[in-house]
C-alpha atoms as a PDB file:
ATOM      1  CA  MET A   1      95.882  -0.088  72.555  1.00  0.00           C
ATOM      2  CA  PRO A   2      98.821   1.510  70.917  1.00  0.00           C
ATOM      3  CA  PHE A   3      98.877   1.717  67.250  1.00  0.00           C
ATOM      4  CA  THR A   4     101.571   2.494  64.562  1.00  0.00           C
ATOM      5  CA  LYS A   5     100.955   2.995  60.791  1.00  0.00           C
ATOM      6  CA  LEU A   6     101.650  -0.711  59.950  1.00  0.00           C
ATOM      7  CA  ILE A   7     101.860  -2.630  63.322  1.00  0.00           C
ATOM      8  CA  THR A   8      99.345  -2.959  66.058  1.00  0.00           C
ATOM      9  CA  THR A   9      99.715  -5.344  69.049  1.00  0.00           C
ATOM     10  CA  VAL A  10      97.332  -6.932  71.312  1.00  0.00           C
ATOM     11  CA  ALA A  11      98.322  -6.717  75.117  1.00  0.00           C
ATOM     12  CA  ILE A  12      97.516 -10.049  77.111  1.00  0.00           C
ATOM     13  CA  PRO A  13      97.201  -9.299  80.661  1.00  0.00           C
ATOM     14  CA  ALA A  14      99.920 -10.519  83.048  1.00  0.00           C
ATOM     15  CA  ALA A  15      97.484 -12.916  84.742  1.00  0.00           C
ATOM     16  CA  LEU A  16      96.762 -14.620  81.569  1.00  0.00           C
ATOM     17  CA  ILE A  17     100.351 -15.107  80.491  1.00  0.00           C
ATOM     18  CA  MET A  18     101.013 -16.874  83.863  1.00  0.00           C
ATOM     19  CA  ALA A  19      98.315 -19.569  83.188  1.00  0.00           C
ATOM     20  CA  PRO A  20      99.805 -23.062  83.190  1.00  0.00           C
ATOM     21  CA  SER A  21     100.437 -24.946  79.946  1.00  0.00           C
ATOM     22  CA  LEU A  22      99.870 -28.642  79.536  1.00  0.00           C
ATOM     23  CA  SER A  23     102.608 -31.001  80.886  1.00  0.00           C
ATOM     24  CA  SER A  24     105.592 -31.776  78.699  1.00  0.00           C
ATOM     25  CA  ALA A  25     104.642 -35.461  79.003  1.00  0.00           C
ATOM     26  CA  GLU A  26     101.593 -34.654  76.802  1.00  0.00           C
ATOM     27  CA  THR A  27     103.048 -32.163  74.246  1.00  0.00           C
ATOM     28  CA  PRO A  28     106.252 -30.753  73.054  1.00  0.00           C
ATOM     29  CA  LYS A  29     107.809 -27.860  75.201  1.00  0.00           C
ATOM     30  CA  TYR A  30     106.182 -25.069  73.064  1.00  0.00           C
ATOM     31  CA  PRO A  31     105.928 -22.161  73.293  1.00  0.00           C
ATOM     32  CA  THR A  32     108.630 -20.930  75.671  1.00  0.00           C
ATOM     33  CA  ARG A  33     108.436 -17.398  74.403  1.00  0.00           C
ATOM     34  CA  PRO A  34     106.130 -15.065  72.822  1.00  0.00           C
ATOM     35  CA  VAL A  35     104.448 -15.926  69.549  1.00  0.00           C
ATOM     36  CA  THR A  36     103.746 -13.340  66.703  1.00  0.00           C
ATOM     37  CA  ILE A  37     100.591 -13.698  64.536  1.00  0.00           C
ATOM     38  CA  ILE A  38     100.907 -11.882  61.261  1.00  0.00           C
ATOM     39  CA  VAL A  39      97.700 -10.330  60.031  1.00  0.00           C
ATOM     40  CA  PRO A  40      98.171  -9.111  56.337  1.00  0.00           C
ATOM     41  CA  ALA A  41      95.450  -6.613  56.723  1.00  0.00           C
ATOM     42  CA  PRO A  42      94.548  -3.494  58.837  1.00  0.00           C
ATOM     43  CA  ALA A  43      93.310  -3.667  62.354  1.00  0.00           C
ATOM     44  CA  GLY A  44      89.572  -3.887  62.751  1.00  0.00           C
ATOM     45  CA  GLY A  45      88.760  -6.378  59.884  1.00  0.00           C
ATOM     46  CA  GLY A  46      87.493  -9.906  60.082  1.00  0.00           C
ATOM     47  CA  ILE A  47      90.838 -11.754  60.067  1.00  0.00           C
ATOM     48  CA  ASP A  48      92.123  -9.184  62.638  1.00  0.00           C
ATOM     49  CA  LEU A  49      89.289  -9.890  64.941  1.00  0.00           C
ATOM     50  CA  ILE A  50      89.722 -13.628  64.715  1.00  0.00           C
ATOM     51  CA  ALA A  51      93.460 -13.424  65.492  1.00  0.00           C
ATOM     52  CA  ARG A  52      92.959 -11.145  68.595  1.00  0.00           C
ATOM     53  CA  VAL A  53      90.109 -13.318  69.921  1.00  0.00           C
ATOM     54  CA  VAL A  54      91.978 -16.573  69.392  1.00  0.00           C
ATOM     55  CA  GLY A  55      95.393 -15.191  70.373  1.00  0.00           C
ATOM     56  CA  GLU A  56      93.842 -14.339  73.810  1.00  0.00           C
ATOM     57  CA  LYS A  57      92.847 -17.800  74.357  1.00  0.00           C
ATOM     58  CA  LEU A  58      96.025 -19.164  73.139  1.00  0.00           C
ATOM     59  CA  ALA A  59      97.816 -17.014  75.739  1.00  0.00           C
ATOM     60  CA  VAL A  60      95.832 -18.431  78.460  1.00  0.00           C
ATOM     61  CA  LYS A  61      96.142 -22.058  77.289  1.00  0.00           C
ATOM     62  CA  LEU A  62      99.706 -22.117  76.338  1.00  0.00           C
ATOM     63  CA  GLY A  63     101.302 -19.704  78.898  1.00  0.00           C
ATOM     64  CA  GLN A  64     103.036 -17.157  76.372  1.00  0.00           C
ATOM     65  CA  PRO A  65     101.777 -13.977  74.797  1.00  0.00           C
ATOM     66  CA  PHE A  66     100.470 -14.263  71.290  1.00  0.00           C
ATOM     67  CA  ILE A  67     101.170 -10.774  69.749  1.00  0.00           C
ATOM     68  CA  VAL A  68      99.134  -9.530  66.801  1.00  0.00           C
ATOM     69  CA  GLU A  69     101.213  -7.720  64.195  1.00  0.00           C
ATOM     70  CA  ASN A  70      99.332  -5.925  61.401  1.00  0.00           C
ATOM     71  CA  ARG A  71     101.078  -5.892  58.083  1.00  0.00           C
ATOM     72  CA  PRO A  72      98.700  -4.420  55.565  1.00  0.00           C
ATOM     73  CA  GLY A  73      99.500  -3.459  52.004  1.00  0.00           C
ATOM     74  CA  ALA A  74      99.739  -4.613  48.363  1.00  0.00           C
ATOM     75  CA  SER A  75      96.478  -6.563  48.478  1.00  0.00           C
ATOM     76  CA  ASN A  76      97.432  -8.420  51.542  1.00  0.00           C
ATOM     77  CA  ASN A  77     100.637  -9.485  49.777  1.00  0.00           C
ATOM     78  CA  LEU A  78     102.988  -7.588  51.937  1.00  0.00           C
ATOM     79  CA  GLY A  79     102.074  -9.361  55.377  1.00  0.00           C
ATOM     80  CA  THR A  80     101.843 -12.651  53.582  1.00  0.00           C
ATOM     81  CA  ALA A  81     105.493 -12.387  52.191  1.00  0.00           C
ATOM     82  CA  VAL A  82     106.518 -11.561  55.724  1.00  0.00           C
ATOM     83  CA  LEU A  83     104.963 -14.726  57.059  1.00  0.00           C
ATOM     84  CA  ALA A  84     106.325 -16.833  54.131  1.00  0.00           C
ATOM     85  CA  ASN A  85     109.952 -15.648  54.820  1.00  0.00           C
ATOM     86  CA  ALA A  86     109.779 -15.911  58.658  1.00  0.00           C
ATOM     87  CA  LYS A  87     111.743 -18.560  60.420  1.00  0.00           C
ATOM     88  CA  PRO A  88     109.805 -21.922  60.493  1.00  0.00           C
ATOM     89  CA  ASP A  89     110.166 -22.405  64.180  1.00  0.00           C
ATOM     90  CA  GLY A  90     106.513 -21.962  65.302  1.00  0.00           C
ATOM     91  CA  TYR A  91     107.201 -18.389  66.789  1.00  0.00           C
ATOM     92  CA  THR A  92     105.664 -16.528  63.769  1.00  0.00           C
ATOM     93  CA  ILE A  93     102.317 -17.713  62.533  1.00  0.00           C
ATOM     94  CA  GLY A  94      99.619 -15.814  60.427  1.00  0.00           C
ATOM     95  CA  ILE A  95      95.996 -15.737  59.383  1.00  0.00           C
ATOM     96  CA  VAL A  96      94.960 -14.958  55.884  1.00  0.00           C
ATOM     97  CA  GLY A  97      91.636 -14.404  54.141  1.00  0.00           C
ATOM     98  CA  GLY A  98      90.083 -14.834  50.703  1.00  0.00           C
ATOM     99  CA  SER A  99      92.730 -13.008  48.682  1.00  0.00           C
ATOM    100  CA  HIS A 100      95.293 -15.726  49.682  1.00  0.00           C
ATOM    101  CA  ASN A 101      93.788 -18.143  46.933  1.00  0.00           C
ATOM    102  CA  ILE A 102      93.366 -15.480  44.566  1.00  0.00           C
ATOM    103  CA  ASN A 103      96.374 -13.309  44.250  1.00  0.00           C
ATOM    104  CA  LYS A 104      98.480 -16.175  42.672  1.00  0.00           C
ATOM    105  CA  TYR A 105      96.571 -15.354  39.403  1.00  0.00           C
ATOM    106  CA  LEU A 106      96.681 -11.752  39.703  1.00  0.00           C
ATOM    107  CA  PHE A 107     100.220 -10.735  40.452  1.00  0.00           C
ATOM    108  CA  LYS A 108     103.501 -11.659  39.010  1.00  0.00           C
ATOM    109  CA  ASN A 109     106.638 -12.456  41.178  1.00  0.00           C
ATOM    110  CA  LEU A 110     104.730 -12.637  44.555  1.00  0.00           C
ATOM    111  CA  GLY A 111     107.659 -14.293  46.221  1.00  0.00           C
ATOM    112  CA  TRP A 112     105.502 -16.913  47.811  1.00  0.00           C
ATOM    113  CA  ASP A 113     103.135 -19.643  46.794  1.00  0.00           C
ATOM    114  CA  PRO A 114      99.810 -20.322  48.471  1.00  0.00           C
ATOM    115  CA  GLU A 115     100.503 -24.028  48.960  1.00  0.00           C
ATOM    116  CA  LYS A 116     104.328 -24.464  48.858  1.00  0.00           C
ATOM    117  CA  SER A 117     105.204 -21.639  51.071  1.00  0.00           C
ATOM    118  CA  PHE A 118     103.203 -22.481  54.131  1.00  0.00           C
ATOM    119  CA  GLU A 119     102.024 -25.204  56.421  1.00  0.00           C
ATOM    120  CA  PRO A 120      98.281 -25.155  57.064  1.00  0.00           C
ATOM    121  CA  ILE A 121      97.397 -25.111  60.650  1.00  0.00           C
ATOM    122  CA  VAL A 122      93.547 -24.867  60.692  1.00  0.00           C
ATOM    123  CA  TYR A 123      90.706 -23.491  58.680  1.00  0.00           C
ATOM    124  CA  THR A 124      88.996 -20.897  60.901  1.00  0.00           C
ATOM    125  CA  HIS A 125      86.468 -19.084  59.035  1.00  0.00           C
ATOM    126  CA  VAL A 126      83.893 -18.308  56.248  1.00  0.00           C
ATOM    127  CA  ILE A 127      82.487 -14.819  55.824  1.00  0.00           C
ATOM    128  CA  PRO A 128      79.461 -14.903  53.414  1.00  0.00           C
ATOM    129  CA  LEU A 129      79.094 -11.919  50.856  1.00  0.00           C
ATOM    130  CA  VAL A 130      75.819 -10.084  50.404  1.00  0.00           C
ATOM    131  CA  PHE A 131      74.221  -8.594  47.223  1.00  0.00           C
ATOM    132  CA  ALA A 132      73.580  -5.279  48.434  1.00  0.00           C
ATOM    133  CA  VAL A 133      71.897  -2.772  46.191  1.00  0.00           C
ATOM    134  CA  ASN A 134      71.142   1.017  46.498  1.00  0.00           C
ATOM    135  CA  SER A 135      67.721   1.155  47.941  1.00  0.00           C
ATOM    136  CA  LYS A 136      66.458   3.295  44.979  1.00  0.00           C
ATOM    137  CA  ILE A 137      66.936   0.449  42.589  1.00  0.00           C
ATOM    138  CA  PRO A 138      63.581  -1.274  42.122  1.00  0.00           C
ATOM    139  CA  ALA A 139      65.069  -4.710  42.080  1.00  0.00           C
ATOM    140  CA  LYS A 140      63.869  -6.979  45.000  1.00  0.00           C
ATOM    141  CA  SER A 141      65.441 -10.215  43.707  1.00  0.00           C
ATOM    142  CA  ILE A 142      68.544 -11.263  41.801  1.00  0.00           C
ATOM    143  CA  PRO A 143      66.469 -12.098  38.596  1.00  0.00           C
ATOM    144  CA  GLU A 144      65.090  -8.473  38.796  1.00  0.00           C
ATOM    145  CA  LEU A 145      68.464  -7.239  39.480  1.00  0.00           C
ATOM    146  CA  VAL A 146      69.841  -8.839  36.183  1.00  0.00           C
ATOM    147  CA  ASN A 147      66.860  -7.750  34.143  1.00  0.00           C
ATOM    148  CA  TRP A 148      67.283  -4.072  35.441  1.00  0.00           C
ATOM    149  CA  MET A 149      71.092  -4.290  34.480  1.00  0.00           C
ATOM    150  CA  LYS A 150      70.416  -5.605  31.110  1.00  0.00           C
ATOM    151  CA  ALA A 151      67.843  -2.906  30.547  1.00  0.00           C
ATOM    152  CA  ASN A 152      70.197  -0.119  31.891  1.00  0.00           C
ATOM    153  CA  PRO A 153      73.668  -1.071  31.023  1.00  0.00           C
ATOM    154  CA  GLY A 154      75.127   2.466  31.330  1.00  0.00           C
ATOM    155  CA  GLU A 155      74.069   2.506  34.958  1.00  0.00           C
ATOM    156  CA  ALA A 156      75.010  -1.033  35.871  1.00  0.00           C
ATOM    157  CA  LYS A 157      78.271  -0.134  38.095  1.00  0.00           C
ATOM    158  CA  ILE A 158      79.307  -2.571  40.637  1.00  0.00           C
ATOM    159  CA  ALA A 159      81.682  -1.508  43.466  1.00  0.00           C
ATOM    160  CA  THR A 160      84.519  -3.790  44.548  1.00  0.00           C
ATOM    161  CA  SER A 161      87.106  -3.575  47.291  1.00  0.00           C
ATOM    162  CA  GLY A 162      89.949  -3.378  44.907  1.00  0.00           C
ATOM    163  CA  ARG A 163      92.395  -5.561  42.995  1.00  0.00           C
ATOM    164  CA  GLY A 164      92.486  -9.339  44.251  1.00  0.00           C
ATOM    165  CA  SER A 165      89.666  -8.879  46.719  1.00  0.00           C
ATOM    166  CA  ALA A 166      87.059 -11.603  47.285  1.00  0.00           C
ATOM    167  CA  GLN A 167      84.471  -8.844  46.475  1.00  0.00           C
ATOM    168  CA  GLU A 168      86.149  -8.379  43.018  1.00  0.00           C
ATOM    169  CA  MET A 169      86.122 -12.090  42.274  1.00  0.00           C
ATOM    170  CA  ALA A 170      82.489 -12.425  43.464  1.00  0.00           C
ATOM    171  CA  ALA A 171      81.437  -9.599  41.028  1.00  0.00           C
ATOM    172  CA  GLU A 172      83.369 -11.288  38.113  1.00  0.00           C
ATOM    173  CA  MET A 173      81.541 -14.576  38.953  1.00  0.00           C
ATOM    174  CA  PHE A 174      78.207 -12.817  38.964  1.00  0.00           C
ATOM    175  CA  ARG A 175      78.942 -11.277  35.588  1.00  0.00           C
ATOM    176  CA  MET A 176      80.043 -14.665  34.217  1.00  0.00           C
ATOM    177  CA  VAL A 177      76.946 -16.583  35.525  1.00  0.00           C
ATOM    178  CA  SER A 178      74.189 -13.872  34.972  1.00  0.00           C
ATOM    179  CA  GLY A 179      75.352 -12.612  31.457  1.00  0.00           C
ATOM    180  CA  ALA A 180      74.734  -9.038  32.490  1.00  0.00           C
ATOM    181  CA  ASN A 181      76.700  -6.290  31.228  1.00  0.00           C
ATOM    182  CA  MET A 182      78.361  -4.241  34.079  1.00  0.00           C
ATOM    183  CA  LEU A 183      81.084  -2.009  35.002  1.00  0.00           C
ATOM    184  CA  LEU A 184      83.349  -2.768  37.971  1.00  0.00           C
ATOM    185  CA  ILE A 185      84.518   0.122  40.009  1.00  0.00           C
ATOM    186  CA  PRO A 186      87.408  -0.743  42.396  1.00  0.00           C
ATOM    187  CA  TYR A 187      87.713   1.155  45.788  1.00  0.00           C
ATOM    188  CA  LYS A 188      90.311   0.924  48.434  1.00  0.00           C
ATOM    189  CA  GLY A 189      88.433  -1.269  50.786  1.00  0.00           C
ATOM    190  CA  SER A 190      84.831  -1.831  51.847  1.00  0.00           C
ATOM    191  CA  SER A 191      84.284   1.222  53.895  1.00  0.00           C
ATOM    192  CA  ALA A 192      85.382   3.445  51.050  1.00  0.00           C
ATOM    193  CA  ALA A 193      82.817   2.083  48.744  1.00  0.00           C
ATOM    194  CA  HIS A 194      79.811   2.356  50.955  1.00  0.00           C
ATOM    195  CA  PRO A 195      79.121   6.161  50.474  1.00  0.00           C
ATOM    196  CA  ASP A 196      78.745   5.827  46.647  1.00  0.00           C
ATOM    197  CA  LEU A 197      76.601   2.765  47.083  1.00  0.00           C
ATOM    198  CA  VAL A 198      74.267   4.553  49.552  1.00  0.00           C
ATOM    199  CA  ALA A 199      74.156   7.553  47.262  1.00  0.00           C
ATOM    200  CA  GLY A 200      73.424   5.645  44.129  1.00  0.00           C
ATOM    201  CA  ARG A 201      76.567   6.316  42.265  1.00  0.00           C
ATOM    202  CA  THR A 202      77.080   2.552  42.235  1.00  0.00           C
ATOM    203  CA  VAL A 203      74.020   0.185  42.196  1.00  0.00           C
ATOM    204  CA  LEU A 204      75.633  -2.886  43.565  1.00  0.00           C
ATOM    205  CA  PHE A 205      78.372  -4.061  45.949  1.00  0.00           C
ATOM    206  CA  ILE A 206      78.773  -7.769  46.813  1.00  0.00           C
ATOM    207  CA  ASP A 207      80.382  -7.293  50.140  1.00  0.00           C
ATOM    208  CA  THR A 208      81.129  -9.198  53.223  1.00  0.00           C
ATOM    209  CA  ILE A 209      78.310  -9.464  55.966  1.00  0.00           C
ATOM    210  CA  SER A 210      80.626  -8.216  58.580  1.00  0.00           C
ATOM    211  CA  ALA A 211      81.204  -5.061  56.577  1.00  0.00           C
ATOM    212  CA  ILE A 212      77.753  -4.275  55.139  1.00  0.00           C
ATOM    213  CA  GLN A 213      75.318  -5.530  57.668  1.00  0.00           C
ATOM    214  CA  GLU A 214      74.903  -2.288  59.599  1.00  0.00           C
ATOM    215  CA  GLN A 215      74.046  -0.483  56.257  1.00  0.00           C
ATOM    216  CA  VAL A 216      71.427  -3.220  55.694  1.00  0.00           C
ATOM    217  CA  LYS A 217      70.068  -2.864  59.207  1.00  0.00           C
ATOM    218  CA  ALA A 218      69.774   0.916  58.856  1.00  0.00           C
ATOM    219  CA  GLY A 219      67.941   0.604  55.605  1.00  0.00           C
ATOM    220  CA  ASN A 220      70.507   2.365  53.634  1.00  0.00           C
ATOM    221  CA  VAL A 221      70.878  -0.721  51.211  1.00  0.00           C
ATOM    222  CA  ARG A 222      68.908  -3.552  50.432  1.00  0.00           C
ATOM    223  CA  ALA A 223      70.127  -7.164  50.852  1.00  0.00           C
ATOM    224  CA  LEU A 224      69.100  -9.233  47.874  1.00  0.00           C
ATOM    225  CA  ALA A 225      71.053 -12.386  48.357  1.00  0.00           C
ATOM    226  CA  VAL A 226      73.918 -14.098  50.149  1.00  0.00           C
ATOM    227  CA  SER A 227      76.832 -15.643  48.033  1.00  0.00           C
ATOM    228  CA  THR A 228      77.251 -18.919  49.629  1.00  0.00           C
ATOM    229  CA  ARG A 229      75.473 -22.167  48.936  1.00  0.00           C
ATOM    230  CA  ASN A 230      73.824 -21.948  52.351  1.00  0.00           C
ATOM    231  CA  ARG A 231      71.927 -19.024  54.036  1.00  0.00           C
ATOM    232  CA  SER A 232      73.841 -17.100  56.736  1.00  0.00           C
ATOM    233  CA  LYS A 233      72.999 -17.165  60.437  1.00  0.00           C
ATOM    234  CA  ALA A 234      73.589 -13.364  60.475  1.00  0.00           C
ATOM    235  CA  LEU A 235      70.814 -12.790  57.763  1.00  0.00           C
ATOM    236  CA  PRO A 236      68.638 -15.851  57.773  1.00  0.00           C
ATOM    237  CA  ASN A 237      65.784 -14.424  55.866  1.00  0.00           C
ATOM    238  CA  VAL A 238      68.064 -13.474  53.098  1.00  0.00           C
ATOM    239  CA  PRO A 239      67.935 -16.348  50.344  1.00  0.00           C
ATOM    240  CA  THR A 240      71.111 -17.435  48.511  1.00  0.00           C
ATOM    241  CA  ALA A 241      71.951 -16.356  44.928  1.00  0.00           C
ATOM    242  CA  GLU A 242      71.660 -20.073  43.866  1.00  0.00           C
ATOM    243  CA  GLU A 243      68.154 -20.363  45.218  1.00  0.00           C
ATOM    244  CA  GLN A 244      67.335 -17.343  42.993  1.00  0.00           C
ATOM    245  CA  GLY A 245      68.630 -19.094  39.853  1.00  0.00           C
ATOM    246  CA  LEU A 246      72.478 -18.281  39.714  1.00  0.00           C
ATOM    247  CA  LYS A 247      73.287 -22.043  39.457  1.00  0.00           C
ATOM    248  CA  GLY A 248      76.607 -23.201  40.816  1.00  0.00           C
ATOM    249  CA  TYR A 249      77.056 -19.448  42.340  1.00  0.00           C
ATOM    250  CA  ASP A 250      79.286 -19.906  45.499  1.00  0.00           C
ATOM    251  CA  ALA A 251      81.525 -16.947  46.659  1.00  0.00           C
ATOM    252  CA  ASN A 252      82.828 -16.065  49.938  1.00  0.00           C
ATOM    253  CA  THR A 253      85.966 -14.961  51.894  1.00  0.00           C
ATOM    254  CA  ASN A 254      87.430 -17.777  53.931  1.00  0.00           C
ATOM    255  CA  GLY A 255      90.884 -18.628  55.469  1.00  0.00           C
ATOM    256  CA  GLY A 256      92.698 -19.601  58.432  1.00  0.00           C
ATOM    257  CA  PHE A 257      96.078 -19.923  60.310  1.00  0.00           C
ATOM    258  CA  LEU A 258      99.127 -20.844  58.398  1.00  0.00           C
ATOM    259  CA  ALA A 259     102.654 -21.297  59.468  1.00  0.00           C
ATOM    260  CA  PRO A 260     105.910 -20.928  57.173  1.00  0.00           C
ATOM    261  CA  ALA A 261     106.747 -24.009  55.271  1.00  0.00           C
ATOM    262  CA  GLY A 262     109.246 -26.288  57.250  1.00  0.00           C
ATOM    263  CA  THR A 263     107.438 -25.637  60.473  1.00  0.00           C
ATOM    264  CA  PRO A 264     107.903 -28.792  62.718  1.00  0.00           C
ATOM    265  CA  LYS A 265     104.808 -31.000  62.369  1.00  0.00           C
ATOM    266  CA  GLU A 266     104.407 -31.409  66.100  1.00  0.00           C
ATOM    267  CA  ILE A 267     104.102 -27.655  66.497  1.00  0.00           C
ATOM    268  CA  VAL A 268     101.557 -27.458  63.752  1.00  0.00           C
ATOM    269  CA  ALA A 269      99.454 -30.227  65.389  1.00  0.00           C
ATOM    270  CA  ARG A 270      99.814 -28.487  68.805  1.00  0.00           C
ATOM    271  CA  LEU A 271      98.513 -25.322  67.377  1.00  0.00           C
ATOM    272  CA  ASN A 272      95.734 -27.053  65.438  1.00  0.00           C
ATOM    273  CA  THR A 273      94.484 -28.621  68.449  1.00  0.00           C
ATOM    274  CA  GLU A 274      94.482 -25.440  70.731  1.00  0.00           C
ATOM    275  CA  ILE A 275      92.996 -23.227  67.930  1.00  0.00           C
ATOM    276  CA  ASN A 276      90.168 -25.783  67.376  1.00  0.00           C
ATOM    277  CA  ALA A 277      89.456 -25.848  71.020  1.00  0.00           C
ATOM    278  CA  ALA A 278      89.364 -21.923  71.243  1.00  0.00           C
ATOM    279  CA  LEU A 279      86.981 -21.948  68.258  1.00  0.00           C
ATOM    280  CA  LYS A 280      84.596 -24.245  70.243  1.00  0.00           C
ATOM    281  CA  LEU A 281      84.340 -21.961  73.241  1.00  0.00           C
ATOM    282  CA  PRO A 282      80.825 -20.341  73.429  1.00  0.00           C
ATOM    283  CA  GLU A 283      82.251 -16.776  74.047  1.00  0.00           C
ATOM    284  CA  VAL A 284      84.545 -16.986  71.124  1.00  0.00           C
ATOM    285  CA  ARG A 285      81.803 -18.223  68.656  1.00  0.00           C
ATOM    286  CA  ALA A 286      79.295 -15.680  69.842  1.00  0.00           C
ATOM    287  CA  LYS A 287      81.823 -12.747  69.297  1.00  0.00           C
ATOM    288  CA  LEU A 288      82.701 -13.971  65.893  1.00  0.00           C
ATOM    289  CA  GLU A 289      79.177 -14.831  64.714  1.00  0.00           C
ATOM    290  CA  ALA A 290      78.036 -11.433  65.667  1.00  0.00           C
ATOM    291  CA  ALA A 291      80.489  -9.906  63.213  1.00  0.00           C
ATOM    292  CA  GLY A 292      79.034 -12.247  60.422  1.00  0.00           C
ATOM    293  CA  ILE A 293      81.870 -14.716  60.801  1.00  0.00           C
ATOM    294  CA  GLU A 294      81.022 -18.439  60.546  1.00  0.00           C
ATOM    295  CA  VAL A 295      83.317 -20.532  62.474  1.00  0.00           C
ATOM    296  CA  GLN A 296      84.801 -23.598  60.969  1.00  0.00           C
ATOM    297  CA  GLY A 297      87.740 -25.866  62.291  1.00  0.00           C
ATOM    298  CA  GLY A 298      89.246 -29.150  61.286  1.00  0.00           C
ATOM    299  CA  THR A 299      92.591 -30.764  60.577  1.00  0.00           C
ATOM    300  CA  PRO A 300      95.671 -29.266  58.667  1.00  0.00           C
ATOM    301  CA  GLN A 301      94.609 -31.551  55.802  1.00  0.00           C
ATOM    302  CA  ASP A 302      91.346 -30.222  55.773  1.00  0.00           C
ATOM    303  CA  TYR A 303      92.486 -26.710  55.295  1.00  0.00           C
ATOM    304  CA  ALA A 304      95.125 -27.819  52.640  1.00  0.00           C
ATOM    305  CA  ALA A 305      92.213 -29.426  50.646  1.00  0.00           C
ATOM    306  CA  LEU A 306      90.200 -26.267  50.782  1.00  0.00           C
ATOM    307  CA  ILE A 307      93.193 -24.076  49.568  1.00  0.00           C
ATOM    308  CA  LYS A 308      93.710 -26.381  46.647  1.00  0.00           C
ATOM    309  CA  SER A 309      89.908 -26.367  45.798  1.00  0.00           C
ATOM    310  CA  ASP A 310      89.641 -22.531  45.985  1.00  0.00           C
ATOM    311  CA  LEU A 311      92.697 -22.184  43.923  1.00  0.00           C
ATOM    312  CA  ALA A 312      91.050 -24.218  41.092  1.00  0.00           C
ATOM    313  CA  LYS A 313      87.910 -22.247  41.503  1.00  0.00           C
ATOM    314  CA  TRP A 314      89.363 -18.740  41.329  1.00  0.00           C
ATOM    315  CA  GLY A 315      91.872 -19.543  38.761  1.00  0.00           C
ATOM    316  CA  LYS A 316      89.147 -20.501  36.453  1.00  0.00           C
ATOM    317  CA  VAL A 317      87.139 -17.216  37.189  1.00  0.00           C
ATOM    318  CA  VAL A 318      90.296 -15.219  36.472  1.00  0.00           C
ATOM    319  CA  LYS A 319      90.987 -17.128  33.103  1.00  0.00           C
ATOM    320  CA  GLU A 320      87.411 -16.946  31.834  1.00  0.00           C
ATOM    321  CA  ALA A 321      87.147 -13.168  32.902  1.00  0.00           C
ATOM    322  CA  GLY A 322      90.397 -12.427  31.095  1.00  0.00           C
ATOM    323  CA  ILE A 323      91.968 -10.586  33.946  1.00  0.00           C
ATOM    324  CA  GLN A 324      95.633  -9.996  33.433  1.00  0.00           C
ATOM    325  CA  GLN A 325      98.327 -10.343  35.872  1.00  0.00           C
ATOM    326  CA  GLU A 326     100.038  -7.282  37.109  1.00  0.00           C
END
């Protein structure tokens, strides 16, 4: 697979491209040429995996290549702006993660709005976060961690994945709900934060299951809790933060497919139908769930409602935490 600095593509075998599409009597004649999927993050992450796995299935069903184009940078804002400004004809779509509903409150002059600039296609995923602590910390539960932090404020350093990340917002929410005094240390992504966590230079990282689960399995860090209301299938024996006394705590990175505002409704409906069908395939679910990704689905309206709800939740966190826009 060829890679460039900013763009990667996924090649679809010719045999898949020749697969027949549904009859024109059933659906509009779409697509008639290749479709680009913008991923505003580097290759290898959660939304990149979803784009590639689902894109292969769409190519089979719709008879055209779905080409993944990675456009990372500027806290995912670069690729998201490319998507927002693309021609709304159905031939450029994108997939976004948790930062999509956060960046509105963190950055001035984005050039796009999370609701007005896009047509929601389908809600694809939730990736729970894990409270992972350095194995030398004595805390075995969230209450013990909070007590340790209050007793050792100078050592209470929490890693985050940088400005606007779901990990940063989860840490801010933890600070608000727990009342513990802590210092947030930003890193350039999850993998950059792991060495310091393992070495004890930071004591906590609320990271995605997909990124941290290998460190947990290796015993390099200890998983105290998952951040969602329900336990994760990937770590079923790890209780939720709410179960351990953090009432109302619910943080994750979630997202789905979007199209530029003005994309024809019939194209959005067709993509919604086919992506939902792909997400139900056993091989797709198995591959995504193995990476700690919890598969979702639903209507465009369902995804629009989730975006609105998340905007309200994270807007409140940013305001109460006193985070200033850049």
